[in-house]
Amino acid sequence: MEVRKILERITKKRKKKGYSYENMAEELALSPSGYRKIETGETKLLVERMFQIATVLDIPIKKLLDIEEPEKNENKEVLKKLIASYENLLKEKEEQIASLKENIKKR
C-alpha cells in the first residue's frame, strides 16, 4: 500500500464532494496550508489523521486504503496494524484527558 495512492484517493473524494482545502482544514481544526501539506505529501499522513479525514469525507477506511479483498493476508495485516495503532492513540488520548481532569480537580 502506497501512501501516495491513499492521498490520491483522498484528493479525488474531496473534489467529488466539492470540498476545498479550507473546508477540510476547518473540519479537521487545521490551517488550510496545513491540510494542503498533508494531501500533497509534504507532511506525513498519520493514522489518526487518516481516520479523521475518512470520517469527514464519509468514506470507509477500507475503501480509502483500497482493502476490498479480504482474502489477501497482507491487506488484513496492514488493516490490523492500522487499527491497533489507532486504538493505541485513542488509549493515549483517554489517559491524557484523565490526567488533565485530575489536574483540574486539584486546583
PDB file of N, CA and C in Angstrom:
ATOM      1  N   MET A   1       0.848  -1.173   0.000  1.00  0.00           N
ATOM      2  CA  MET A   1       0.000   0.000   0.000  1.00  0.00           C
ATOM      3  C   MET A   1       0.892   1.233   0.000  1.00  0.00           C
ATOM      4  N   GLU A   2       0.657   2.089  -0.951  1.00  0.00           N
ATOM      5  CA  GLU A   2       1.459   3.296  -1.061  1.00  0.00           C
ATOM      6  C   GLU A   2       0.680   4.483  -0.512  1.00  0.00           C
ATOM      7  N   VAL A   3       1.361   5.295   0.271  1.00  0.00           N
ATOM      8  CA  VAL A   3       0.740   6.488   0.837  1.00  0.00           C
ATOM      9  C   VAL A   3       0.277   7.413  -0.287  1.00  0.00           C
ATOM     10  N   ARG A   4       1.067   7.489  -1.343  1.00  0.00           N
ATOM     11  CA  ARG A   4       0.719   8.346  -2.481  1.00  0.00           C
ATOM     12  C   ARG A   4      -0.665   8.003  -3.028  1.00  0.00           C
ATOM     13  N   LYS A   5      -0.960   6.711  -3.121  1.00  0.00           N
ATOM     14  CA  LYS A   5      -2.259   6.280  -3.647  1.00  0.00           C
ATOM     15  C   LYS A   5      -3.385   6.645  -2.686  1.00  0.00           C
ATOM     16  N   ILE A   6      -3.118   6.534  -1.394  1.00  0.00           N
ATOM     17  CA  ILE A   6      -4.119   6.934  -0.397  1.00  0.00           C
ATOM     18  C   ILE A   6      -4.406   8.425  -0.541  1.00  0.00           C
ATOM     19  N   LEU A   7      -3.349   9.207  -0.684  1.00  0.00           N
ATOM     20  CA  LEU A   7      -3.513  10.658  -0.833  1.00  0.00           C
ATOM     21  C   LEU A   7      -4.278  10.995  -2.113  1.00  0.00           C
ATOM     22  N   GLU A   8      -4.034  10.240  -3.170  1.00  0.00           N
ATOM     23  CA  GLU A   8      -4.771  10.454  -4.422  1.00  0.00           C
ATOM     24  C   GLU A   8      -6.259  10.170  -4.225  1.00  0.00           C
ATOM     25  N   ARG A   9      -6.576   9.096  -3.481  1.00  0.00           N
ATOM     26  CA  ARG A   9      -7.977   8.776  -3.206  1.00  0.00           C
ATOM     27  C   ARG A   9      -8.626   9.872  -2.354  1.00  0.00           C
ATOM     28  N   ILE A  10      -7.875  10.392  -1.387  1.00  0.00           N
ATOM     29  CA  ILE A  10      -8.389  11.481  -0.549  1.00  0.00           C
ATOM     30  C   ILE A  10      -8.699  12.700  -1.421  1.00  0.00           C
ATOM     31  N   THR A  11      -7.755  13.075  -2.273  1.00  0.00           N
ATOM     32  CA  THR A  11      -7.945  14.240  -3.147  1.00  0.00           C
ATOM     33  C   THR A  11      -9.154  14.043  -4.057  1.00  0.00           C
ATOM     34  N   LYS A  12      -9.249  12.867  -4.649  1.00  0.00           N
ATOM     35  CA  LYS A  12     -10.358  12.574  -5.559  1.00  0.00           C
ATOM     36  C   LYS A  12     -11.699  12.668  -4.831  1.00  0.00           C
ATOM     37  N   LYS A  13     -11.781  12.075  -3.651  1.00  0.00           N
ATOM     38  CA  LYS A  13     -13.032  12.089  -2.886  1.00  0.00           C
ATOM     39  C   LYS A  13     -13.363  13.511  -2.426  1.00  0.00           C
ATOM     40  N   ARG A  14     -12.354  14.271  -2.003  1.00  0.00           N
ATOM     41  CA  ARG A  14     -12.569  15.655  -1.558  1.00  0.00           C
ATOM     42  C   ARG A  14     -13.153  16.482  -2.701  1.00  0.00           C
ATOM     43  N   LYS A  15     -12.552  16.348  -3.876  1.00  0.00           N
ATOM     44  CA  LYS A  15     -13.026  17.112  -5.033  1.00  0.00           C
ATOM     45  C   LYS A  15     -14.430  16.673  -5.448  1.00  0.00           C
ATOM     46  N   LYS A  16     -14.682  15.363  -5.386  1.00  0.00           N
ATOM     47  CA  LYS A  16     -16.001  14.838  -5.746  1.00  0.00           C
ATOM     48  C   LYS A  16     -17.078  15.416  -4.830  1.00  0.00           C
ATOM     49  N   LYS A  17     -16.748  15.601  -3.567  1.00  0.00           N
ATOM     50  CA  LYS A  17     -17.696  16.167  -2.609  1.00  0.00           C
ATOM     51  C   LYS A  17     -17.774  17.688  -2.717  1.00  0.00           C
ATOM     52  N   GLY A  18     -16.878  18.271  -3.500  1.00  0.00           N
ATOM     53  CA  GLY A  18     -16.883  19.718  -3.666  1.00  0.00           C
ATOM     54  C   GLY A  18     -16.248  20.470  -2.510  1.00  0.00           C
ATOM     55  N   TYR A  19     -15.404  19.790  -1.743  1.00  0.00           N
ATOM     56  CA  TYR A  19     -14.741  20.415  -0.599  1.00  0.00           C
ATOM     57  C   TYR A  19     -13.428  21.059  -1.039  1.00  0.00           C
ATOM     58  N   SER A  20     -13.153  22.212  -0.471  1.00  0.00           N
ATOM     59  CA  SER A  20     -11.878  22.887  -0.716  1.00  0.00           C
ATOM     60  C   SER A  20     -10.902  22.515   0.397  1.00  0.00           C
ATOM     61  N   TYR A  21      -9.653  22.956   0.239  1.00  0.00           N
ATOM     62  CA  TYR A  21      -8.683  22.773   1.325  1.00  0.00           C
ATOM     63  C   TYR A  21      -9.211  23.442   2.594  1.00  0.00           C
ATOM     64  N   GLU A  22      -9.835  24.607   2.412  1.00  0.00           N
ATOM     65  CA  GLU A  22     -10.352  25.361   3.553  1.00  0.00           C
ATOM     66  C   GLU A  22     -11.442  24.585   4.285  1.00  0.00           C
ATOM     67  N   ASN A  23     -12.358  23.951   3.525  1.00  0.00           N
ATOM     68  CA  ASN A  23     -13.412  23.147   4.146  1.00  0.00           C
ATOM     69  C   ASN A  23     -12.816  22.019   4.974  1.00  0.00           C
ATOM     70  N   MET A  24     -11.870  21.319   4.374  1.00  0.00           N
ATOM     71  CA  MET A  24     -11.247  20.189   5.066  1.00  0.00           C
ATOM     72  C   MET A  24     -10.484  20.668   6.295  1.00  0.00           C
ATOM     73  N   ALA A  25      -9.748  21.753   6.130  1.00  0.00           N
ATOM     74  CA  ALA A  25      -8.958  22.290   7.240  1.00  0.00           C
ATOM     75  C   ALA A  25      -9.860  22.655   8.412  1.00  0.00           C
ATOM     76  N   GLU A  26     -10.982  23.286   8.109  1.00  0.00           N
ATOM     77  CA  GLU A  26     -11.916  23.679   9.167  1.00  0.00           C
ATOM     78  C   GLU A  26     -12.458  22.450   9.900  1.00  0.00           C
ATOM     79  N   GLU A  27     -12.843  21.435   9.159  1.00  0.00           N
ATOM     80  CA  GLU A  27     -13.376  20.206   9.760  1.00  0.00           C
ATOM     81  C   GLU A  27     -12.339  19.494  10.629  1.00  0.00           C
ATOM     82  N   LEU A  28     -11.075  19.617  10.258  1.00  0.00           N
ATOM     83  CA  LEU A  28     -10.004  18.911  10.960  1.00  0.00           C
ATOM     84  C   LEU A  28      -9.256  19.802  11.949  1.00  0.00           C
ATOM     85  N   ALA A  29      -9.720  21.038  12.110  1.00  0.00           N
ATOM     86  CA  ALA A  29      -9.080  22.004  13.020  1.00  0.00           C
ATOM     87  C   ALA A  29      -7.612  22.233  12.640  1.00  0.00           C
ATOM     88  N   LEU A  30      -7.395  22.444  11.349  1.00  0.00           N
ATOM     89  CA  LEU A  30      -6.058  22.723  10.814  1.00  0.00           C
ATOM     90  C   LEU A  30      -6.105  24.027  10.029  1.00  0.00           C
ATOM     91  N   SER A  31      -4.941  24.540   9.706  1.00  0.00           N
ATOM     92  CA  SER A  31      -4.888  25.667   8.776  1.00  0.00           C
ATOM     93  C   SER A  31      -5.041  25.091   7.365  1.00  0.00           C
ATOM     94  N   PRO A  32      -5.545  25.892   6.427  1.00  0.00           N
ATOM     95  CA  PRO A  32      -5.653  25.388   5.051  1.00  0.00           C
ATOM     96  C   PRO A  32      -4.308  24.917   4.496  1.00  0.00           C
ATOM     97  N   SER A  33      -3.239  25.649   4.801  1.00  0.00           N
ATOM     98  CA  SER A  33      -1.928  25.221   4.292  1.00  0.00           C
ATOM     99  C   SER A  33      -1.478  23.935   4.977  1.00  0.00           C
ATOM    100  N   GLY A  34      -1.841  23.764   6.248  1.00  0.00           N
ATOM    101  CA  GLY A  34      -1.508  22.528   6.963  1.00  0.00           C
ATOM    102  C   GLY A  34      -2.191  21.327   6.333  1.00  0.00           C
ATOM    103  N   TYR A  35      -3.478  21.503   5.981  1.00  0.00           N
ATOM    104  CA  TYR A  35      -4.186  20.405   5.331  1.00  0.00           C
ATOM    105  C   TYR A  35      -3.603  20.136   3.945  1.00  0.00           C
ATOM    106  N   ARG A  36      -3.336  21.213   3.188  1.00  0.00           N
ATOM    107  CA  ARG A  36      -2.781  21.052   1.842  1.00  0.00           C
ATOM    108  C   ARG A  36      -1.483  20.252   1.892  1.00  0.00           C
ATOM    109  N   LYS A  37      -0.655  20.526   2.897  1.00  0.00           N
ATOM    110  CA  LYS A  37       0.622  19.816   3.020  1.00  0.00           C
ATOM    111  C   LYS A  37       0.410  18.327   3.267  1.00  0.00           C
ATOM    112  N   ILE A  38      -0.632  17.984   4.009  1.00  0.00           N
ATOM    113  CA  ILE A  38      -0.934  16.563   4.223  1.00  0.00           C
ATOM    114  C   ILE A  38      -1.335  15.932   2.895  1.00  0.00           C
ATOM    115  N   GLU A  39      -2.270  16.574   2.211  1.00  0.00           N
ATOM    116  CA  GLU A  39      -2.808  15.999   0.977  1.00  0.00           C
ATOM    117  C   GLU A  39      -1.772  15.911  -0.137  1.00  0.00           C
ATOM    118  N   THR A  40      -0.817  16.830  -0.142  1.00  0.00           N
ATOM    119  CA  THR A  40       0.217  16.803  -1.184  1.00  0.00           C
ATOM    120  C   THR A  40       1.429  15.975  -0.777  1.00  0.00           C
ATOM    121  N   GLY A  41       1.419  15.441   0.436  1.00  0.00           N
ATOM    122  CA  GLY A  41       2.507  14.580   0.882  1.00  0.00           C
ATOM    123  C   GLY A  41       3.687  15.312   1.486  1.00  0.00           C
ATOM    124  N   GLU A  42       3.575  16.630   1.663  1.00  0.00           N
ATOM    125  CA  GLU A  42       4.671  17.385   2.280  1.00  0.00           C
ATOM    126  C   GLU A  42       4.770  17.087   3.778  1.00  0.00           C
ATOM    127  N   THR A  43       3.628  16.759   4.374  1.00  0.00           N
ATOM    128  CA  THR A  43       3.567  16.377   5.785  1.00  0.00           C
ATOM    129  C   THR A  43       3.091  14.934   5.836  1.00  0.00           C
ATOM    130  N   LYS A  44       3.644  14.141   6.747  1.00  0.00           N
ATOM    131  CA  LYS A  44       3.250  12.739   6.874  1.00  0.00           C
ATOM    132  C   LYS A  44       1.773  12.608   7.221  1.00  0.00           C
ATOM    133  N   LEU A  45       1.141  11.636   6.612  1.00  0.00           N
ATOM    134  CA  LEU A  45      -0.243  11.309   6.924  1.00  0.00           C
ATOM    135  C   LEU A  45      -0.235  10.327   8.089  1.00  0.00           C
ATOM    136  N   LEU A  46      -0.588  10.815   9.266  1.00  0.00           N
ATOM    137  CA  LEU A  46      -0.621   9.965  10.448  1.00  0.00           C
ATOM    138  C   LEU A  46      -1.907   9.150  10.464  1.00  0.00           C
ATOM    139  N   VAL A  47      -1.860   8.013  11.115  1.00  0.00           N
ATOM    140  CA  VAL A  47      -3.011   7.110  11.164  1.00  0.00           C
ATOM    141  C   VAL A  47      -4.229   7.823  11.740  1.00  0.00           C
ATOM    142  N   GLU A  48      -4.032   8.520  12.835  1.00  0.00           N
ATOM    143  CA  GLU A  48      -5.151   9.222  13.472  1.00  0.00           C
ATOM    144  C   GLU A  48      -5.776  10.227  12.505  1.00  0.00           C
ATOM    145  N   ARG A  49      -4.948  10.980  11.809  1.00  0.00           N
ATOM    146  CA  ARG A  49      -5.440  11.985  10.865  1.00  0.00           C
ATOM    147  C   ARG A  49      -6.146  11.312   9.691  1.00  0.00           C
ATOM    148  N   MET A  50      -5.643  10.163   9.250  1.00  0.00           N
ATOM    149  CA  MET A  50      -6.271   9.445   8.152  1.00  0.00           C
ATOM    150  C   MET A  50      -7.696   9.028   8.530  1.00  0.00           C
ATOM    151  N   PHE A  51      -7.882   8.562   9.761  1.00  0.00           N
ATOM    152  CA  PHE A  51      -9.215   8.192  10.223  1.00  0.00           C
ATOM    153  C   PHE A  51     -10.122   9.425  10.268  1.00  0.00           C
ATOM    154  N   GLN A  52      -9.587  10.556  10.707  1.00  0.00           N
ATOM    155  CA  GLN A  52     -10.371  11.791  10.756  1.00  0.00           C
ATOM    156  C   GLN A  52     -10.788  12.227   9.351  1.00  0.00           C
ATOM    157  N   ILE A  53      -9.868  12.162   8.422  1.00  0.00           N
ATOM    158  CA  ILE A  53     -10.161  12.544   7.038  1.00  0.00           C
ATOM    159  C   ILE A  53     -11.221  11.618   6.453  1.00  0.00           C
ATOM    160  N   ALA A  54     -11.092  10.328   6.702  1.00  0.00           N
ATOM    161  CA  ALA A  54     -12.081   9.365   6.210  1.00  0.00           C
ATOM    162  C   ALA A  54     -13.463   9.698   6.760  1.00  0.00           C
ATOM    163  N   THR A  55     -13.523  10.095   8.021  1.00  0.00           N
ATOM    164  CA  THR A  55     -14.801  10.459   8.635  1.00  0.00           C
ATOM    165  C   THR A  55     -15.383  11.702   7.971  1.00  0.00           C
ATOM    166  N   VAL A  56     -14.567  12.724   7.790  1.00  0.00           N
ATOM    167  CA  VAL A  56     -15.031  13.968   7.161  1.00  0.00           C
ATOM    168  C   VAL A  56     -15.535  13.697   5.745  1.00  0.00           C
ATOM    169  N   LEU A  57     -14.827  12.865   5.015  1.00  0.00           N
ATOM    170  CA  LEU A  57     -15.199  12.568   3.630  1.00  0.00           C
ATOM    171  C   LEU A  57     -16.270  11.491   3.529  1.00  0.00           C
ATOM    172  N   ASP A  58     -16.652  10.936   4.678  1.00  0.00           N
ATOM    173  CA  ASP A  58     -17.672   9.885   4.729  1.00  0.00           C
ATOM    174  C   ASP A  58     -17.294   8.721   3.808  1.00  0.00           C
ATOM    175  N   ILE A  59     -16.066   8.266   3.989  1.00  0.00           N
ATOM    176  CA  ILE A  59     -15.553   7.150   3.197  1.00  0.00           C
ATOM    177  C   ILE A  59     -15.039   6.087   4.167  1.00  0.00           C
ATOM    178  N   PRO A  60     -15.446   4.839   3.987  1.00  0.00           N
ATOM    179  CA  PRO A  60     -14.941   3.789   4.878  1.00  0.00           C
ATOM    180  C   PRO A  60     -13.418   3.679   4.775  1.00  0.00           C
ATOM    181  N   ILE A  61     -12.776   3.471   5.895  1.00  0.00           N
ATOM    182  CA  ILE A  61     -11.312   3.387   5.916  1.00  0.00           C
ATOM    183  C   ILE A  61     -10.823   2.272   4.998  1.00  0.00           C
ATOM    184  N   LYS A  62     -11.586   1.182   4.891  1.00  0.00           N
ATOM    185  CA  LYS A  62     -11.209   0.086   3.988  1.00  0.00           C
ATOM    186  C   LYS A  62     -11.128   0.570   2.542  1.00  0.00           C
ATOM    187  N   LYS A  63     -12.076   1.418   2.172  1.00  0.00           N
ATOM    188  CA  LYS A  63     -12.082   1.925   0.799  1.00  0.00           C
ATOM    189  C   LYS A  63     -10.934   2.905   0.590  1.00  0.00           C
ATOM    190  N   LEU A  64     -10.693   3.736   1.591  1.00  0.00           N
ATOM    191  CA  LEU A  64      -9.588   4.686   1.499  1.00  0.00           C
ATOM    192  C   LEU A  64      -8.259   3.949   1.343  1.00  0.00           C
ATOM    193  N   LEU A  65      -8.121   2.849   2.061  1.00  0.00           N
ATOM    194  CA  LEU A  65      -6.895   2.052   1.991  1.00  0.00           C
ATOM    195  C   LEU A  65      -6.913   1.070   0.824  1.00  0.00           C
ATOM    196  N   ASP A  66      -8.045   1.003   0.123  1.00  0.00           N
ATOM    197  CA  ASP A  66      -8.228   0.097  -1.007  1.00  0.00           C
ATOM    198  C   ASP A  66      -8.067  -1.354  -0.573  1.00  0.00           C
ATOM    199  N   ILE A  67      -8.719  -1.669   0.538  1.00  0.00           N
ATOM    200  CA  ILE A  67      -8.703  -3.050   1.040  1.00  0.00           C
ATOM    201  C   ILE A  67     -10.085  -3.629   0.767  1.00  0.00           C
ATOM    202  N   GLU A  68     -10.235  -4.196  -0.383  1.00  0.00           N
ATOM    203  CA  GLU A  68     -11.522  -4.729  -0.803  1.00  0.00           C
ATOM    204  C   GLU A  68     -11.535  -6.254  -0.864  1.00  0.00           C
ATOM    205  N   GLU A  69     -10.354  -6.863  -0.862  1.00  0.00           N
ATOM    206  CA  GLU A  69     -10.278  -8.310  -0.992  1.00  0.00           C
ATOM    207  C   GLU A  69      -9.839  -8.914   0.335  1.00  0.00           C
ATOM    208  N   PRO A  70     -10.795  -9.366   1.150  1.00  0.00           N
ATOM    209  CA  PRO A  70     -10.439  -9.871   2.477  1.00  0.00           C
ATOM    210  C   PRO A  70      -9.539 -11.099   2.461  1.00  0.00           C
ATOM    211  N   GLU A  71      -9.455 -11.792   1.339  1.00  0.00           N
ATOM    212  CA  GLU A  71      -8.618 -12.985   1.303  1.00  0.00           C
ATOM    213  C   GLU A  71      -7.129 -12.656   1.220  1.00  0.00           C
ATOM    214  N   LYS A  72      -6.791 -11.438   0.971  1.00  0.00           N
ATOM    215  CA  LYS A  72      -5.383 -11.068   0.914  1.00  0.00           C
ATOM    216  C   LYS A  72      -4.863 -10.853   2.324  1.00  0.00           C
ATOM    217  N   ASN A  73      -4.030 -11.761   2.778  1.00  0.00           N
ATOM    218  CA  ASN A  73      -3.492 -11.682   4.132  1.00  0.00           C
ATOM    219  C   ASN A  73      -2.698 -10.407   4.373  1.00  0.00           C
ATOM    220  N   GLU A  74      -1.986  -9.965   3.360  1.00  0.00           N
ATOM    221  CA  GLU A  74      -1.180  -8.755   3.511  1.00  0.00           C
ATOM    222  C   GLU A  74      -2.074  -7.567   3.874  1.00  0.00           C
ATOM    223  N   ASN A  75      -3.186  -7.428   3.178  1.00  0.00           N
ATOM    224  CA  ASN A  75      -4.107  -6.332   3.461  1.00  0.00           C
ATOM    225  C   ASN A  75      -4.713  -6.465   4.849  1.00  0.00           C
ATOM    226  N   LYS A  76      -5.020  -7.683   5.253  1.00  0.00           N
ATOM    227  CA  LYS A  76      -5.565  -7.903   6.593  1.00  0.00           C
ATOM    228  C   LYS A  76      -4.567  -7.451   7.645  1.00  0.00           C
ATOM    229  N   GLU A  77      -3.325  -7.787   7.435  1.00  0.00           N
ATOM    230  CA  GLU A  77      -2.289  -7.427   8.404  1.00  0.00           C
ATOM    231  C   GLU A  77      -2.097  -5.918   8.477  1.00  0.00           C
ATOM    232  N   VAL A  78      -2.124  -5.268   7.333  1.00  0.00           N
ATOM    233  CA  VAL A  78      -1.981  -3.810   7.310  1.00  0.00           C
ATOM    234  C   VAL A  78      -3.134  -3.176   8.074  1.00  0.00           C
ATOM    235  N   LEU A  79      -4.334  -3.640   7.804  1.00  0.00           N
ATOM    236  CA  LEU A  79      -5.503  -3.096   8.483  1.00  0.00           C
ATOM    237  C   LEU A  79      -5.430  -3.350   9.986  1.00  0.00           C
ATOM    238  N   LYS A  80      -5.015  -4.545  10.366  1.00  0.00           N
ATOM    239  CA  LYS A  80      -4.877  -4.859  11.794  1.00  0.00           C
ATOM    240  C   LYS A  80      -3.881  -3.920  12.464  1.00  0.00           C
ATOM    241  N   LYS A  81      -2.768  -3.660  11.780  1.00  0.00           N
ATOM    242  CA  LYS A  81      -1.758  -2.753  12.335  1.00  0.00           C
ATOM    243  C   LYS A  81      -2.302  -1.334  12.454  1.00  0.00           C
ATOM    244  N   LEU A  82      -3.028  -0.898  11.443  1.00  0.00           N
ATOM    245  CA  LEU A  82      -3.608   0.442  11.488  1.00  0.00           C
ATOM    246  C   LEU A  82      -4.631   0.560  12.613  1.00  0.00           C
ATOM    247  N   ILE A  83      -5.459  -0.442  12.756  1.00  0.00           N
ATOM    248  CA  ILE A  83      -6.458  -0.432  13.826  1.00  0.00           C
ATOM    249  C   ILE A  83      -5.773  -0.436  15.180  1.00  0.00           C
ATOM    250  N   ALA A  84      -4.751  -1.266  15.335  1.00  0.00           N
ATOM    251  CA  ALA A  84      -4.018  -1.314  16.604  1.00  0.00           C
ATOM    252  C   ALA A  84      -3.373   0.033  16.904  1.00  0.00           C
ATOM    253  N   SER A  85      -2.804   0.661  15.884  1.00  0.00           N
ATOM    254  CA  SER A  85      -2.194   1.982  16.073  1.00  0.00           C
ATOM    255  C   SER A  85      -3.242   2.999  16.498  1.00  0.00           C
ATOM    256  N   TYR A  86      -4.380   2.959  15.846  1.00  0.00           N
ATOM    257  CA  TYR A  86      -5.449   3.896  16.170  1.00  0.00           C
ATOM    258  C   TYR A  86      -5.963   3.654  17.589  1.00  0.00           C
ATOM    259  N   GLU A  87      -6.121   2.395  17.955  1.00  0.00           N
ATOM    260  CA  GLU A  87      -6.574   2.076  19.315  1.00  0.00           C
ATOM    261  C   GLU A  87      -5.567   2.555  20.350  1.00  0.00           C
ATOM    262  N   ASN A  88      -4.280   2.414  20.054  1.00  0.00           N
ATOM    263  CA  ASN A  88      -3.247   2.916  20.968  1.00  0.00           C
ATOM    264  C   ASN A  88      -3.324   4.429  21.100  1.00  0.00           C
ATOM    265  N   LEU A  89      -3.539   5.107  19.989  1.00  0.00           N
ATOM    266  CA  LEU A  89      -3.671   6.563  20.028  1.00  0.00           C
ATOM    267  C   LEU A  89      -4.876   6.973  20.866  1.00  0.00           C
ATOM    268  N   LEU A  90      -5.981   6.266  20.688  1.00  0.00           N
ATOM    269  CA  LEU A  90      -7.171   6.571  21.479  1.00  0.00           C
ATOM    270  C   LEU A  90      -6.915   6.358  22.966  1.00  0.00           C
ATOM    271  N   LYS A  91      -6.227   5.280  23.297  1.00  0.00           N
ATOM    272  CA  LYS A  91      -5.912   4.996  24.696  1.00  0.00           C
ATOM    273  C   LYS A  91      -5.039   6.107  25.283  1.00  0.00           C
ATOM    274  N   GLU A  92      -4.041   6.534  24.524  1.00  0.00           N
ATOM    275  CA  GLU A  92      -3.166   7.620  24.982  1.00  0.00           C
ATOM    276  C   GLU A  92      -3.965   8.893  25.215  1.00  0.00           C
ATOM    277  N   LYS A  93      -4.872   9.205  24.302  1.00  0.00           N
ATOM    278  CA  LYS A  93      -5.693  10.411  24.439  1.00  0.00           C
ATOM    279  C   LYS A  93      -6.588  10.308  25.673  1.00  0.00           C
ATOM    280  N   GLU A  94      -7.162   9.141  25.897  1.00  0.00           N
ATOM    281  CA  GLU A  94      -8.010   8.946  27.071  1.00  0.00           C
ATOM    282  C   GLU A  94      -7.205   9.132  28.350  1.00  0.00           C
ATOM    283  N   GLU A  95      -5.971   8.630  28.359  1.00  0.00           N
ATOM    284  CA  GLU A  95      -5.110   8.799  29.530  1.00  0.00           C
ATOM    285  C   GLU A  95      -4.753  10.267  29.738  1.00  0.00           C
ATOM    286  N   GLN A  96      -4.501  10.975  28.646  1.00  0.00           N
ATOM    287  CA  GLN A  96      -4.193  12.405  28.744  1.00  0.00           C
ATOM    288  C   GLN A  96      -5.391  13.176  29.295  1.00  0.00           C
ATOM    289  N   ILE A  97      -6.575  12.837  28.830  1.00  0.00           N
ATOM    290  CA  ILE A  97      -7.788  13.502  29.308  1.00  0.00           C
ATOM    291  C   ILE A  97      -7.985  13.234  30.790  1.00  0.00           C
ATOM    292  N   ALA A  98      -7.799  11.989  31.203  1.00  0.00           N
ATOM    293  CA  ALA A  98      -7.945  11.640  32.617  1.00  0.00           C
ATOM    294  C   ALA A  98      -6.947  12.418  33.463  1.00  0.00           C
ATOM    295  N   SER A  99      -5.723  12.522  32.988  1.00  0.00           N
ATOM    296  CA  SER A  99      -4.689  13.261  33.709  1.00  0.00           C
ATOM    297  C   SER A  99      -5.052  14.740  33.814  1.00  0.00           C
ATOM    298  N   LEU A 100      -5.530  15.306  32.733  1.00  0.00           N
ATOM    299  CA  LEU A 100      -5.932  16.715  32.744  1.00  0.00           C
ATOM    300  C   LEU A 100      -7.106  16.949  33.693  1.00  0.00           C
ATOM    301  N   LYS A 101      -8.051  16.025  33.706  1.00  0.00           N
ATOM    302  CA  LYS A 101      -9.184  16.144  34.628  1.00  0.00           C
ATOM    303  C   LYS A 101      -8.707  16.121  36.073  1.00  0.00           C
ATOM    304  N   GLU A 102      -7.742  15.253  36.363  1.00  0.00           N
ATOM    305  CA  GLU A 102      -7.186  15.186  37.724  1.00  0.00           C
ATOM    306  C   GLU A 102      -6.522  16.498  38.095  1.00  0.00           C
ATOM    307  N   ASN A 103      -5.753  17.047  37.168  1.00  0.00           N
ATOM    308  CA  ASN A 103      -5.074  18.321  37.415  1.00  0.00           C
ATOM    309  C   ASN A 103      -6.077  19.438  37.676  1.00  0.00           C
ATOM    310  N   ILE A 104      -7.173  19.437  36.945  1.00  0.00           N
ATOM    311  CA  ILE A 104      -8.207  20.457  37.135  1.00  0.00           C
ATOM    312  C   ILE A 104      -8.854  20.306  38.506  1.00  0.00           C
ATOM    313  N   LYS A 105      -9.117  19.073  38.912  1.00  0.00           N
ATOM    314  CA  LYS A 105      -9.730  18.824  40.224  1.00  0.00           C
ATOM    315  C   LYS A 105      -8.837  19.299  41.359  1.00  0.00           C
ATOM    316  N   LYS A 106      -7.529  19.191  41.185  1.00  0.00           N
ATOM    317  CA  LYS A 106      -6.579  19.572  42.229  1.00  0.00           C
ATOM    318  C   LYS A 106      -6.519  21.083  42.417  1.00  0.00           C
ATOM    319  N   ARG A 107      -6.947  21.824  41.433  1.00  0.00           N
ATOM    320  CA  ARG A 107      -6.863  23.297  41.510  1.00  0.00           C
ATOM    321  C   ARG A 107      -7.983  23.836  42.265  1.00  0.00           C
TER     322      ARG A 107
END
